[in-house]
Amino acid sequence: MMAVIPPFVYWISRFLFWSCRLTVKNYEEFQADLQAGRVVIGAAWHSRTLILPRLYHWVGYKPIVVLVSQSFDGRLGGAFISRHGFRPVWGSSTRGGEEGMAELIEWGRKGVNVAITPDGPRGPAETVRPGAVRLAAALDAPVYPVVWFCDRATRLRSWDRFIIPHPFARVICQVGRPIHVPKDAAAEVIEAKRKELEDELRRITAEVESYFG
């Protein structure tokens, strides 16, 4: 069952989203795929998901489903993203993973975009698990790595050091090079593509953080 987000939390989050000064880099190919109606898969570190609804609306909103864990934190997160127009799909590597992945594939085959945190729900932080790559192979859809960082933020003492930007922070978001996975890819190809996605996420993480010293 999804948790309930009080209305004031929603309005605070909207204020936070729209007060931040957002710059998006290297988004043109991602935006073109969205506008052309192609199914895409967004992949972002678990710690850097909070500002992504703002980014997704910025580049050109299309319906999207997001894999969310069935933990208490996941239920809160699912309620939060649903208030911002995203549809949660319940499942993770620890609970309901196969069912959640099957539902993502079903939505993707209907033409709905997908988002996933490849290091969630419990880490290790910034280490990619193969789920996003397997999903890309099943849907014949590109995986777009996405990372953001900002000049003023609070990092929680959670396993992922979750980032909350301060109001009016300067936020830079970077879209990485899309990862293409062949349909029916063999196990060794899945592993190679998993490593490719991880390397690209880490590369753009270092790049966005370098903008702020």
N, C-alpha and C. Protein backbone atom coordinates (compact mmCIF):
# COMPACT_ATOMS: atom_id res chain seq x y z
N MET A 1 0.85 -1.20 0.00
CA MET A 1 0.00 0.00 0.00
C MET A 1 0.88 1.24 0.00
N MET A 2 0.51 2.23 -0.81
CA MET A 2 1.28 3.45 -0.92
C MET A 2 1.01 4.36 0.26
N ALA A 3 2.07 4.99 0.76
CA ALA A 3 1.93 5.95 1.84
C ALA A 3 1.23 7.21 1.31
N VAL A 4 0.83 8.05 2.25
CA VAL A 4 0.14 9.30 1.91
C VAL A 4 1.07 10.46 2.20
N ILE A 5 1.27 11.31 1.20
CA ILE A 5 2.08 12.50 1.35
C ILE A 5 1.18 13.69 1.68
N PRO A 6 1.38 14.35 2.83
CA PRO A 6 0.54 15.51 3.16
C PRO A 6 0.65 16.59 2.09
N PRO A 7 -0.43 17.32 1.85
CA PRO A 7 -0.40 18.36 0.80
C PRO A 7 0.73 19.37 0.99
N PHE A 8 1.06 19.72 2.24
CA PHE A 8 2.09 20.74 2.44
C PHE A 8 3.45 20.23 1.96
N VAL A 9 3.70 18.91 2.06
CA VAL A 9 4.96 18.37 1.57
C VAL A 9 5.04 18.51 0.05
N TYR A 10 3.92 18.25 -0.61
CA TYR A 10 3.87 18.40 -2.07
C TYR A 10 4.17 19.84 -2.46
N TRP A 11 3.54 20.80 -1.78
CA TRP A 11 3.74 22.19 -2.17
C TRP A 11 5.14 22.67 -1.83
N ILE A 12 5.71 22.17 -0.75
CA ILE A 12 7.11 22.50 -0.44
C ILE A 12 8.03 21.98 -1.54
N SER A 13 7.76 20.75 -1.99
CA SER A 13 8.60 20.16 -3.03
C SER A 13 8.46 20.94 -4.34
N ARG A 14 7.24 21.38 -4.65
CA ARG A 14 7.07 22.19 -5.87
C ARG A 14 7.85 23.50 -5.76
N PHE A 15 7.80 24.13 -4.59
CA PHE A 15 8.58 25.35 -4.39
C PHE A 15 10.06 25.07 -4.57
N LEU A 16 10.52 23.94 -3.99
CA LEU A 16 11.93 23.59 -4.11
C LEU A 16 12.31 23.37 -5.57
N PHE A 17 11.49 22.60 -6.30
CA PHE A 17 11.78 22.33 -7.71
C PHE A 17 11.92 23.62 -8.51
N TRP A 18 10.93 24.50 -8.35
CA TRP A 18 10.87 25.64 -9.25
C TRP A 18 11.70 26.81 -8.77
N SER A 19 12.18 26.77 -7.53
CA SER A 19 13.11 27.82 -7.09
C SER A 19 14.54 27.52 -7.54
N CYS A 20 14.84 26.25 -7.75
CA CYS A 20 16.20 25.89 -8.17
C CYS A 20 16.45 26.39 -9.59
N ARG A 21 17.66 26.86 -9.82
CA ARG A 21 18.07 27.37 -11.14
C ARG A 21 18.69 26.21 -11.91
N LEU A 22 17.91 25.63 -12.78
CA LEU A 22 18.29 24.38 -13.44
C LEU A 22 18.96 24.64 -14.79
N THR A 23 20.11 23.98 -14.98
CA THR A 23 20.78 23.92 -16.27
C THR A 23 20.92 22.46 -16.65
N VAL A 24 20.52 22.12 -17.87
CA VAL A 24 20.59 20.73 -18.33
C VAL A 24 21.58 20.65 -19.49
N LYS A 25 22.51 19.72 -19.41
CA LYS A 25 23.55 19.57 -20.42
C LYS A 25 23.38 18.25 -21.16
N ASN A 26 23.64 18.29 -22.45
CA ASN A 26 23.69 17.09 -23.30
C ASN A 26 22.35 16.36 -23.33
N TYR A 27 21.26 17.11 -23.37
CA TYR A 27 19.93 16.50 -23.30
C TYR A 27 19.27 16.32 -24.66
N GLU A 28 19.90 16.81 -25.74
CA GLU A 28 19.21 16.92 -27.03
C GLU A 28 18.75 15.57 -27.57
N GLU A 29 19.61 14.56 -27.51
CA GLU A 29 19.23 13.25 -28.04
C GLU A 29 18.12 12.62 -27.20
N PHE A 30 18.21 12.77 -25.89
CA PHE A 30 17.18 12.29 -24.98
C PHE A 30 15.84 12.95 -25.28
N GLN A 31 15.86 14.27 -25.44
CA GLN A 31 14.64 15.01 -25.73
C GLN A 31 14.07 14.61 -27.09
N ALA A 32 14.93 14.41 -28.07
CA ALA A 32 14.46 14.03 -29.41
C ALA A 32 13.76 12.67 -29.37
N ASP A 33 14.32 11.72 -28.61
CA ASP A 33 13.67 10.41 -28.48
C ASP A 33 12.31 10.54 -27.81
N LEU A 34 12.23 11.37 -26.77
CA LEU A 34 10.95 11.59 -26.09
C LEU A 34 9.92 12.18 -27.05
N GLN A 35 10.33 13.21 -27.78
CA GLN A 35 9.39 13.89 -28.66
C GLN A 35 8.97 13.02 -29.83
N ALA A 36 9.84 12.08 -30.23
CA ALA A 36 9.51 11.17 -31.33
C ALA A 36 8.64 10.00 -30.86
N GLY A 37 8.40 9.89 -29.56
CA GLY A 37 7.56 8.82 -29.04
C GLY A 37 8.28 7.50 -28.86
N ARG A 38 9.62 7.52 -28.90
CA ARG A 38 10.38 6.29 -28.66
C ARG A 38 10.43 5.99 -27.17
N VAL A 39 10.36 4.73 -26.82
CA VAL A 39 10.47 4.34 -25.41
C VAL A 39 11.93 4.51 -24.96
N VAL A 40 12.13 5.16 -23.84
CA VAL A 40 13.46 5.33 -23.27
C VAL A 40 13.44 4.86 -21.82
N ILE A 41 14.63 4.53 -21.32
CA ILE A 41 14.81 4.12 -19.93
C ILE A 41 15.77 5.12 -19.28
N GLY A 42 15.33 5.78 -18.24
CA GLY A 42 16.19 6.67 -17.49
C GLY A 42 16.82 5.94 -16.33
N ALA A 43 18.11 6.16 -16.11
CA ALA A 43 18.83 5.51 -15.01
C ALA A 43 19.56 6.57 -14.20
N ALA A 44 19.26 6.65 -12.91
CA ALA A 44 19.86 7.65 -12.03
C ALA A 44 20.24 7.01 -10.71
N TRP A 45 21.33 7.50 -10.12
CA TRP A 45 21.69 7.01 -8.78
C TRP A 45 20.56 7.27 -7.80
N HIS A 46 20.40 6.38 -6.84
CA HIS A 46 19.33 6.50 -5.84
C HIS A 46 19.42 7.81 -5.08
N SER A 47 20.63 8.28 -4.84
CA SER A 47 20.82 9.49 -4.03
C SER A 47 20.42 10.76 -4.77
N ARG A 48 20.21 10.66 -6.09
CA ARG A 48 20.02 11.87 -6.90
C ARG A 48 18.71 11.82 -7.66
N THR A 49 17.67 11.36 -7.00
CA THR A 49 16.37 11.25 -7.65
C THR A 49 15.44 12.43 -7.37
N LEU A 50 15.70 13.20 -6.33
CA LEU A 50 14.71 14.16 -5.85
C LEU A 50 14.36 15.21 -6.91
N ILE A 51 15.33 15.69 -7.65
CA ILE A 51 15.08 16.78 -8.58
C ILE A 51 14.65 16.28 -9.96
N LEU A 52 14.62 14.96 -10.17
CA LEU A 52 14.37 14.43 -11.51
C LEU A 52 12.97 14.74 -12.06
N PRO A 53 11.91 14.83 -11.24
CA PRO A 53 10.63 15.27 -11.83
C PRO A 53 10.73 16.63 -12.51
N ARG A 54 11.51 17.54 -11.92
CA ARG A 54 11.71 18.86 -12.55
C ARG A 54 12.41 18.69 -13.90
N LEU A 55 13.45 17.87 -13.94
CA LEU A 55 14.17 17.64 -15.21
C LEU A 55 13.25 17.03 -16.25
N TYR A 56 12.47 16.04 -15.86
CA TYR A 56 11.65 15.32 -16.83
C TYR A 56 10.59 16.23 -17.44
N HIS A 57 10.01 17.09 -16.62
CA HIS A 57 9.06 18.06 -17.16
C HIS A 57 9.78 19.09 -18.03
N TRP A 58 11.01 19.40 -17.69
CA TRP A 58 11.78 20.40 -18.43
C TRP A 58 12.08 19.93 -19.85
N VAL A 59 12.49 18.66 -20.00
CA VAL A 59 12.88 18.18 -21.33
C VAL A 59 11.68 17.80 -22.19
N GLY A 60 10.51 17.69 -21.60
CA GLY A 60 9.32 17.38 -22.40
C GLY A 60 8.62 16.16 -21.85
N TYR A 61 7.71 16.41 -20.93
CA TYR A 61 7.07 15.32 -20.18
C TYR A 61 6.29 14.36 -21.09
N LYS A 62 6.49 13.07 -20.86
CA LYS A 62 5.69 11.99 -21.44
C LYS A 62 5.38 11.02 -20.30
N PRO A 63 4.32 10.22 -20.41
CA PRO A 63 4.02 9.26 -19.34
C PRO A 63 5.24 8.39 -19.01
N ILE A 64 5.43 8.13 -17.73
CA ILE A 64 6.59 7.35 -17.29
C ILE A 64 6.23 6.54 -16.06
N VAL A 65 6.79 5.33 -15.97
CA VAL A 65 6.65 4.49 -14.79
C VAL A 65 8.03 4.35 -14.14
N VAL A 66 8.02 4.23 -12.82
CA VAL A 66 9.27 4.21 -12.05
C VAL A 66 9.25 3.01 -11.13
N LEU A 67 10.34 2.23 -11.15
CA LEU A 67 10.45 1.09 -10.23
C LEU A 67 10.75 1.60 -8.83
N VAL A 68 9.90 1.23 -7.88
CA VAL A 68 10.00 1.72 -6.51
C VAL A 68 9.95 0.52 -5.57
N SER A 69 10.79 0.53 -4.55
CA SER A 69 10.83 -0.60 -3.63
C SER A 69 9.58 -0.63 -2.74
N GLN A 70 9.31 -1.80 -2.17
CA GLN A 70 8.14 -1.98 -1.32
C GLN A 70 8.43 -1.69 0.15
N SER A 71 9.60 -1.14 0.44
CA SER A 71 9.93 -0.74 1.80
C SER A 71 9.12 0.48 2.20
N PHE A 72 9.19 0.85 3.48
CA PHE A 72 8.50 2.05 3.95
C PHE A 72 9.00 3.29 3.21
N ASP A 73 10.34 3.39 3.07
CA ASP A 73 10.90 4.53 2.34
C ASP A 73 10.41 4.53 0.89
N GLY A 74 10.34 3.32 0.30
CA GLY A 74 9.88 3.22 -1.08
C GLY A 74 8.43 3.65 -1.22
N ARG A 75 7.59 3.29 -0.25
CA ARG A 75 6.19 3.69 -0.32
C ARG A 75 6.04 5.21 -0.22
N LEU A 76 6.87 5.82 0.62
CA LEU A 76 6.87 7.29 0.68
C LEU A 76 7.31 7.88 -0.65
N GLY A 77 8.39 7.30 -1.21
CA GLY A 77 8.88 7.78 -2.49
C GLY A 77 7.85 7.61 -3.59
N GLY A 78 7.15 6.46 -3.57
CA GLY A 78 6.11 6.23 -4.56
C GLY A 78 4.99 7.24 -4.48
N ALA A 79 4.59 7.57 -3.24
CA ALA A 79 3.55 8.58 -3.05
C ALA A 79 4.02 9.94 -3.54
N PHE A 80 5.29 10.24 -3.29
CA PHE A 80 5.86 11.53 -3.70
C PHE A 80 5.86 11.67 -5.22
N ILE A 81 6.40 10.66 -5.92
CA ILE A 81 6.49 10.78 -7.37
C ILE A 81 5.13 10.74 -8.04
N SER A 82 4.19 10.03 -7.42
CA SER A 82 2.85 9.98 -8.02
C SER A 82 2.19 11.36 -7.99
N ARG A 83 2.50 12.16 -6.96
CA ARG A 83 1.97 13.53 -6.89
C ARG A 83 2.56 14.41 -7.99
N HIS A 84 3.71 14.00 -8.53
CA HIS A 84 4.36 14.77 -9.58
C HIS A 84 4.16 14.15 -10.96
N GLY A 85 3.17 13.26 -11.09
CA GLY A 85 2.78 12.77 -12.39
C GLY A 85 3.42 11.48 -12.83
N PHE A 86 4.24 10.85 -11.97
CA PHE A 86 4.87 9.59 -12.32
C PHE A 86 4.03 8.44 -11.75
N ARG A 87 4.14 7.28 -12.37
CA ARG A 87 3.41 6.11 -11.89
C ARG A 87 4.39 5.11 -11.27
N PRO A 88 4.25 4.80 -9.98
CA PRO A 88 5.16 3.83 -9.37
C PRO A 88 4.81 2.39 -9.75
N VAL A 89 5.85 1.59 -9.94
CA VAL A 89 5.72 0.14 -10.11
C VAL A 89 6.49 -0.49 -8.97
N TRP A 90 5.84 -1.37 -8.22
CA TRP A 90 6.41 -1.86 -6.98
C TRP A 90 7.30 -3.08 -7.22
N GLY A 91 8.50 -3.00 -6.70
CA GLY A 91 9.42 -4.13 -6.80
C GLY A 91 10.85 -3.64 -6.63
N SER A 92 11.74 -4.54 -6.26
CA SER A 92 13.15 -4.20 -6.09
C SER A 92 13.95 -5.48 -6.19
N SER A 93 15.25 -5.35 -6.01
CA SER A 93 16.10 -6.53 -6.05
C SER A 93 15.88 -7.43 -4.85
N THR A 94 15.24 -6.92 -3.78
CA THR A 94 15.05 -7.71 -2.57
C THR A 94 13.61 -8.17 -2.37
N ARG A 95 12.63 -7.42 -2.90
CA ARG A 95 11.23 -7.79 -2.72
C ARG A 95 10.46 -7.51 -4.00
N GLY A 96 9.84 -8.54 -4.56
CA GLY A 96 8.98 -8.33 -5.71
C GLY A 96 9.71 -7.94 -6.98
N GLY A 97 11.00 -8.29 -7.08
CA GLY A 97 11.80 -7.85 -8.21
C GLY A 97 11.31 -8.39 -9.53
N GLU A 98 11.05 -9.69 -9.61
CA GLU A 98 10.62 -10.28 -10.88
C GLU A 98 9.27 -9.72 -11.31
N GLU A 99 8.35 -9.58 -10.36
CA GLU A 99 7.04 -9.03 -10.70
C GLU A 99 7.15 -7.58 -11.16
N GLY A 100 7.98 -6.81 -10.45
CA GLY A 100 8.16 -5.42 -10.83
C GLY A 100 8.78 -5.28 -12.21
N MET A 101 9.79 -6.11 -12.50
CA MET A 101 10.43 -6.04 -13.81
C MET A 101 9.45 -6.44 -14.92
N ALA A 102 8.64 -7.46 -14.66
CA ALA A 102 7.65 -7.88 -15.65
C ALA A 102 6.66 -6.76 -15.93
N GLU A 103 6.27 -6.02 -14.88
CA GLU A 103 5.33 -4.92 -15.09
C GLU A 103 5.97 -3.78 -15.86
N LEU A 104 7.26 -3.50 -15.58
CA LEU A 104 7.96 -2.48 -16.35
C LEU A 104 8.01 -2.84 -17.83
N ILE A 105 8.30 -4.10 -18.11
CA ILE A 105 8.35 -4.55 -19.50
C ILE A 105 6.98 -4.39 -20.16
N GLU A 106 5.93 -4.75 -19.42
CA GLU A 106 4.58 -4.61 -19.95
C GLU A 106 4.27 -3.16 -20.29
N TRP A 107 4.61 -2.25 -19.39
CA TRP A 107 4.37 -0.83 -19.66
C TRP A 107 5.21 -0.35 -20.84
N GLY A 108 6.48 -0.76 -20.88
CA GLY A 108 7.35 -0.35 -21.96
C GLY A 108 6.84 -0.81 -23.32
N ARG A 109 6.31 -2.00 -23.37
CA ARG A 109 5.78 -2.51 -24.64
C ARG A 109 4.50 -1.79 -25.06
N LYS A 110 3.89 -1.09 -24.12
CA LYS A 110 2.73 -0.24 -24.45
C LYS A 110 3.16 1.16 -24.87
N GLY A 111 4.48 1.40 -24.88
CA GLY A 111 4.98 2.70 -25.30
C GLY A 111 5.22 3.69 -24.19
N VAL A 112 5.22 3.22 -22.93
CA VAL A 112 5.41 4.11 -21.78
C VAL A 112 6.89 4.08 -21.38
N ASN A 113 7.45 5.25 -21.10
CA ASN A 113 8.84 5.34 -20.68
C ASN A 113 9.03 4.81 -19.26
N VAL A 114 10.28 4.49 -18.94
CA VAL A 114 10.60 3.80 -17.69
C VAL A 114 11.79 4.49 -17.02
N ALA A 115 11.77 4.53 -15.69
CA ALA A 115 12.92 5.02 -14.93
C ALA A 115 13.28 4.02 -13.84
N ILE A 116 14.57 3.93 -13.54
CA ILE A 116 15.05 2.95 -12.59
C ILE A 116 16.29 3.49 -11.89
N THR A 117 16.46 3.13 -10.61
CA THR A 117 17.69 3.47 -9.89
C THR A 117 18.54 2.20 -9.84
N PRO A 118 19.57 2.11 -10.64
CA PRO A 118 20.29 0.84 -10.77
C PRO A 118 21.13 0.45 -9.57
N ASP A 119 21.26 1.34 -8.57
CA ASP A 119 21.96 0.96 -7.34
C ASP A 119 21.00 0.81 -6.16
N GLY A 120 19.69 0.91 -6.41
CA GLY A 120 18.70 0.81 -5.32
C GLY A 120 18.22 -0.61 -5.15
N PRO A 121 17.46 -0.87 -4.05
CA PRO A 121 17.05 0.11 -3.04
C PRO A 121 18.00 0.23 -1.86
N ARG A 122 19.01 -0.64 -1.78
CA ARG A 122 19.89 -0.62 -0.61
C ARG A 122 21.37 -0.65 -0.95
N GLY A 123 21.70 -0.45 -2.20
CA GLY A 123 23.10 -0.35 -2.56
C GLY A 123 23.75 -1.66 -2.95
N PRO A 124 25.06 -1.67 -3.07
CA PRO A 124 25.99 -0.59 -2.73
C PRO A 124 25.75 0.67 -3.56
N ALA A 125 25.96 1.80 -2.92
CA ALA A 125 25.72 3.07 -3.59
C ALA A 125 26.62 3.21 -4.81
N GLU A 126 26.03 3.70 -5.90
CA GLU A 126 26.73 4.01 -7.14
C GLU A 126 27.45 2.78 -7.71
N THR A 127 26.80 1.64 -7.55
CA THR A 127 27.22 0.41 -8.21
C THR A 127 26.01 -0.13 -8.97
N VAL A 128 26.14 -0.28 -10.27
CA VAL A 128 25.01 -0.65 -11.12
C VAL A 128 24.74 -2.15 -11.03
N ARG A 129 23.49 -2.46 -10.78
CA ARG A 129 23.03 -3.85 -10.90
C ARG A 129 22.50 -4.07 -12.31
N PRO A 130 22.35 -5.32 -12.74
CA PRO A 130 22.06 -5.57 -14.16
C PRO A 130 20.61 -5.34 -14.58
N GLY A 131 19.71 -4.99 -13.65
CA GLY A 131 18.29 -4.89 -14.00
C GLY A 131 18.00 -3.92 -15.13
N ALA A 132 18.62 -2.73 -15.10
CA ALA A 132 18.35 -1.74 -16.14
C ALA A 132 18.79 -2.23 -17.51
N VAL A 133 19.90 -2.96 -17.54
CA VAL A 133 20.42 -3.47 -18.80
C VAL A 133 19.53 -4.59 -19.33
N ARG A 134 19.07 -5.46 -18.45
CA ARG A 134 18.15 -6.51 -18.88
C ARG A 134 16.83 -5.92 -19.38
N LEU A 135 16.39 -4.87 -18.74
CA LEU A 135 15.17 -4.19 -19.18
C LEU A 135 15.37 -3.60 -20.58
N ALA A 136 16.53 -2.99 -20.82
CA ALA A 136 16.82 -2.42 -22.12
C ALA A 136 16.83 -3.49 -23.21
N ALA A 137 17.38 -4.66 -22.89
CA ALA A 137 17.39 -5.76 -23.86
C ALA A 137 15.97 -6.24 -24.16
N ALA A 138 15.14 -6.31 -23.13
CA ALA A 138 13.76 -6.80 -23.32
C ALA A 138 12.93 -5.83 -24.14
N LEU A 139 13.19 -4.52 -23.97
CA LEU A 139 12.37 -3.50 -24.65
C LEU A 139 13.02 -2.96 -25.92
N ASP A 140 14.28 -3.35 -26.17
CA ASP A 140 15.02 -2.78 -27.30
C ASP A 140 14.98 -1.26 -27.22
N ALA A 141 15.26 -0.74 -26.02
CA ALA A 141 15.18 0.70 -25.76
C ALA A 141 16.52 1.18 -25.17
N PRO A 142 16.92 2.41 -25.48
CA PRO A 142 18.17 2.93 -24.92
C PRO A 142 18.04 3.28 -23.45
N VAL A 143 19.15 3.12 -22.72
CA VAL A 143 19.22 3.57 -21.33
C VAL A 143 19.97 4.90 -21.31
N TYR A 144 19.33 5.93 -20.79
CA TYR A 144 19.96 7.24 -20.67
C TYR A 144 20.41 7.46 -19.22
N PRO A 145 21.71 7.50 -18.96
CA PRO A 145 22.18 7.84 -17.61
C PRO A 145 21.93 9.32 -17.33
N VAL A 146 21.49 9.62 -16.11
CA VAL A 146 21.18 11.01 -15.73
C VAL A 146 21.73 11.26 -14.33
N VAL A 147 22.45 12.37 -14.18
CA VAL A 147 23.01 12.75 -12.87
C VAL A 147 22.86 14.26 -12.71
N TRP A 148 22.61 14.69 -11.47
CA TRP A 148 22.60 16.12 -11.19
C TRP A 148 23.39 16.40 -9.91
N PHE A 149 23.79 17.65 -9.76
CA PHE A 149 24.44 18.10 -8.54
C PHE A 149 24.16 19.59 -8.42
N CYS A 150 24.45 20.17 -7.26
CA CYS A 150 24.12 21.58 -7.05
C CYS A 150 25.14 22.23 -6.13
N ASP A 151 25.04 23.54 -6.05
CA ASP A 151 26.03 24.29 -5.27
C ASP A 151 25.71 24.32 -3.79
N ARG A 152 24.44 24.10 -3.40
CA ARG A 152 24.07 24.10 -1.98
C ARG A 152 23.08 22.98 -1.73
N ALA A 153 23.44 22.08 -0.83
CA ALA A 153 22.59 20.92 -0.58
C ALA A 153 22.87 20.34 0.80
N THR A 154 21.92 19.54 1.26
CA THR A 154 22.09 18.72 2.46
C THR A 154 22.17 17.26 2.02
N ARG A 155 23.14 16.52 2.56
CA ARG A 155 23.26 15.10 2.27
C ARG A 155 22.87 14.35 3.55
N LEU A 156 21.88 13.48 3.43
CA LEU A 156 21.41 12.72 4.57
C LEU A 156 22.42 11.64 4.96
N ARG A 157 22.25 11.12 6.17
CA ARG A 157 23.13 10.04 6.64
C ARG A 157 22.56 8.68 6.32
N SER A 158 22.02 8.56 5.15
CA SER A 158 21.46 7.30 4.67
C SER A 158 22.53 6.51 3.94
N TRP A 159 22.20 5.27 3.56
CA TRP A 159 23.20 4.43 2.89
C TRP A 159 23.69 5.05 1.59
N ASP A 160 22.83 5.86 0.93
CA ASP A 160 23.20 6.44 -0.36
C ASP A 160 23.63 7.89 -0.25
N ARG A 161 23.61 8.48 0.98
CA ARG A 161 23.90 9.91 1.17
C ARG A 161 22.98 10.76 0.30
N PHE A 162 21.68 10.53 0.46
CA PHE A 162 20.65 11.17 -0.35
C PHE A 162 20.81 12.69 -0.34
N ILE A 163 20.67 13.31 -1.52
CA ILE A 163 20.94 14.74 -1.68
C ILE A 163 19.63 15.52 -1.76
N ILE A 164 19.52 16.56 -0.92
CA ILE A 164 18.38 17.48 -0.96
C ILE A 164 18.91 18.87 -1.27
N PRO A 165 18.61 19.42 -2.45
CA PRO A 165 19.09 20.77 -2.76
C PRO A 165 18.40 21.81 -1.90
N HIS A 166 19.09 22.90 -1.63
CA HIS A 166 18.49 24.01 -0.90
C HIS A 166 17.68 24.87 -1.85
N PRO A 167 16.69 25.59 -1.33
CA PRO A 167 15.93 26.51 -2.20
C PRO A 167 16.87 27.48 -2.91
N PHE A 168 16.58 27.75 -4.16
CA PHE A 168 17.32 28.68 -5.01
C PHE A 168 18.74 28.20 -5.31
N ALA A 169 19.00 26.92 -5.09
CA ALA A 169 20.31 26.37 -5.44
C ALA A 169 20.49 26.38 -6.95
N ARG A 170 21.74 26.43 -7.37
CA ARG A 170 22.07 26.27 -8.79
C ARG A 170 22.27 24.78 -9.05
N VAL A 171 21.45 24.22 -9.91
CA VAL A 171 21.46 22.78 -10.19
C VAL A 171 21.92 22.55 -11.63
N ILE A 172 22.90 21.67 -11.79
CA ILE A 172 23.32 21.26 -13.13
C ILE A 172 23.02 19.78 -13.29
N CYS A 173 22.30 19.46 -14.35
CA CYS A 173 21.94 18.08 -14.66
C CYS A 173 22.63 17.68 -15.96
N GLN A 174 23.21 16.51 -15.96
CA GLN A 174 23.91 16.01 -17.14
C GLN A 174 23.27 14.71 -17.60
N VAL A 175 22.93 14.63 -18.88
CA VAL A 175 22.45 13.40 -19.48
C VAL A 175 23.63 12.73 -20.19
N GLY A 176 23.85 11.47 -19.88
CA GLY A 176 24.99 10.77 -20.45
C GLY A 176 24.71 10.17 -21.80
N ARG A 177 25.72 9.52 -22.34
CA ARG A 177 25.59 8.84 -23.62
C ARG A 177 24.65 7.65 -23.47
N PRO A 178 23.67 7.48 -24.37
CA PRO A 178 22.75 6.35 -24.23
C PRO A 178 23.45 5.01 -24.41
N ILE A 179 23.01 4.05 -23.62
CA ILE A 179 23.54 2.69 -23.69
C ILE A 179 22.54 1.83 -24.45
N HIS A 180 22.98 1.23 -25.54
CA HIS A 180 22.12 0.38 -26.37
C HIS A 180 22.48 -1.08 -26.12
N VAL A 181 21.46 -1.90 -25.85
CA VAL A 181 21.66 -3.31 -25.53
C VAL A 181 20.93 -4.15 -26.56
N PRO A 182 21.60 -5.10 -27.20
CA PRO A 182 20.92 -5.94 -28.20
C PRO A 182 19.82 -6.78 -27.57
N LYS A 183 18.77 -7.00 -28.31
CA LYS A 183 17.72 -7.92 -27.84
C LYS A 183 18.32 -9.31 -27.71
N ASP A 184 17.82 -10.06 -26.70
CA ASP A 184 18.29 -11.43 -26.45
C ASP A 184 19.80 -11.47 -26.23
N ALA A 185 20.34 -10.44 -25.59
CA ALA A 185 21.78 -10.39 -25.33
C ALA A 185 22.21 -11.52 -24.41
N ALA A 186 23.36 -12.12 -24.71
CA ALA A 186 23.92 -13.18 -23.88
C ALA A 186 24.42 -12.59 -22.56
N ALA A 187 24.68 -13.49 -21.60
CA ALA A 187 25.07 -13.07 -20.26
C ALA A 187 26.33 -12.20 -20.27
N GLU A 188 27.29 -12.54 -21.12
CA GLU A 188 28.53 -11.76 -21.14
C GLU A 188 28.29 -10.37 -21.72
N VAL A 189 27.33 -10.23 -22.64
CA VAL A 189 26.99 -8.92 -23.19
C VAL A 189 26.27 -8.09 -22.13
N ILE A 190 25.36 -8.71 -21.40
CA ILE A 190 24.67 -8.01 -20.31
C ILE A 190 25.67 -7.46 -19.32
N GLU A 191 26.67 -8.26 -18.95
CA GLU A 191 27.67 -7.79 -17.99
C GLU A 191 28.50 -6.66 -18.57
N ALA A 192 28.87 -6.76 -19.85
CA ALA A 192 29.65 -5.69 -20.48
C ALA A 192 28.85 -4.39 -20.52
N LYS A 193 27.56 -4.48 -20.83
CA LYS A 193 26.71 -3.30 -20.89
C LYS A 193 26.44 -2.74 -19.49
N ARG A 194 26.33 -3.63 -18.49
CA ARG A 194 26.19 -3.17 -17.11
C ARG A 194 27.39 -2.33 -16.72
N LYS A 195 28.58 -2.81 -17.05
CA LYS A 195 29.80 -2.06 -16.74
C LYS A 195 29.85 -0.76 -17.53
N GLU A 196 29.40 -0.78 -18.77
CA GLU A 196 29.37 0.44 -19.59
C GLU A 196 28.45 1.49 -18.97
N LEU A 197 27.27 1.06 -18.51
CA LEU A 197 26.34 1.98 -17.86
C LEU A 197 26.94 2.53 -16.57
N GLU A 198 27.55 1.67 -15.77
CA GLU A 198 28.17 2.11 -14.52
C GLU A 198 29.27 3.13 -14.79
N ASP A 199 30.12 2.83 -15.77
CA ASP A 199 31.21 3.75 -16.10
C ASP A 199 30.68 5.11 -16.57
N GLU A 200 29.60 5.09 -17.37
CA GLU A 200 29.05 6.34 -17.87
C GLU A 200 28.41 7.15 -16.75
N LEU A 201 27.68 6.49 -15.85
CA LEU A 201 27.11 7.19 -14.70
C LEU A 201 28.20 7.80 -13.83
N ARG A 202 29.26 7.06 -13.60
CA ARG A 202 30.35 7.59 -12.78
C ARG A 202 31.07 8.74 -13.48
N ARG A 203 31.20 8.64 -14.80
CA ARG A 203 31.87 9.72 -15.55
C ARG A 203 31.08 11.02 -15.44
N ILE A 204 29.77 10.96 -15.67
CA ILE A 204 28.99 12.20 -15.63
C ILE A 204 28.79 12.68 -14.19
N THR A 205 28.85 11.77 -13.22
CA THR A 205 28.83 12.19 -11.82
C THR A 205 30.03 13.06 -11.51
N ALA A 206 31.21 12.60 -11.91
CA ALA A 206 32.44 13.37 -11.70
C ALA A 206 32.37 14.70 -12.45
N GLU A 207 31.77 14.69 -13.63
CA GLU A 207 31.70 15.91 -14.44
C GLU A 207 30.80 16.96 -13.80
N VAL A 208 29.59 16.56 -13.37
CA VAL A 208 28.70 17.57 -12.78
C VAL A 208 29.25 18.08 -11.45
N GLU A 209 29.90 17.22 -10.70
CA GLU A 209 30.48 17.69 -9.43
C GLU A 209 31.64 18.64 -9.66
N SER A 210 32.36 18.47 -10.79
CA SER A 210 33.50 19.33 -11.08
C SER A 210 33.08 20.77 -11.37
N TYR A 211 31.82 20.97 -11.78
CA TYR A 211 31.35 22.32 -12.06
C TYR A 211 31.34 23.18 -10.80
N PHE A 212 31.27 22.54 -9.64
CA PHE A 212 31.19 23.28 -8.38
C PHE A 212 32.47 23.14 -7.57
N GLY A 213 33.54 22.74 -8.23
CA GLY A 213 34.82 22.60 -7.54
C GLY A 213 34.86 21.33 -6.75
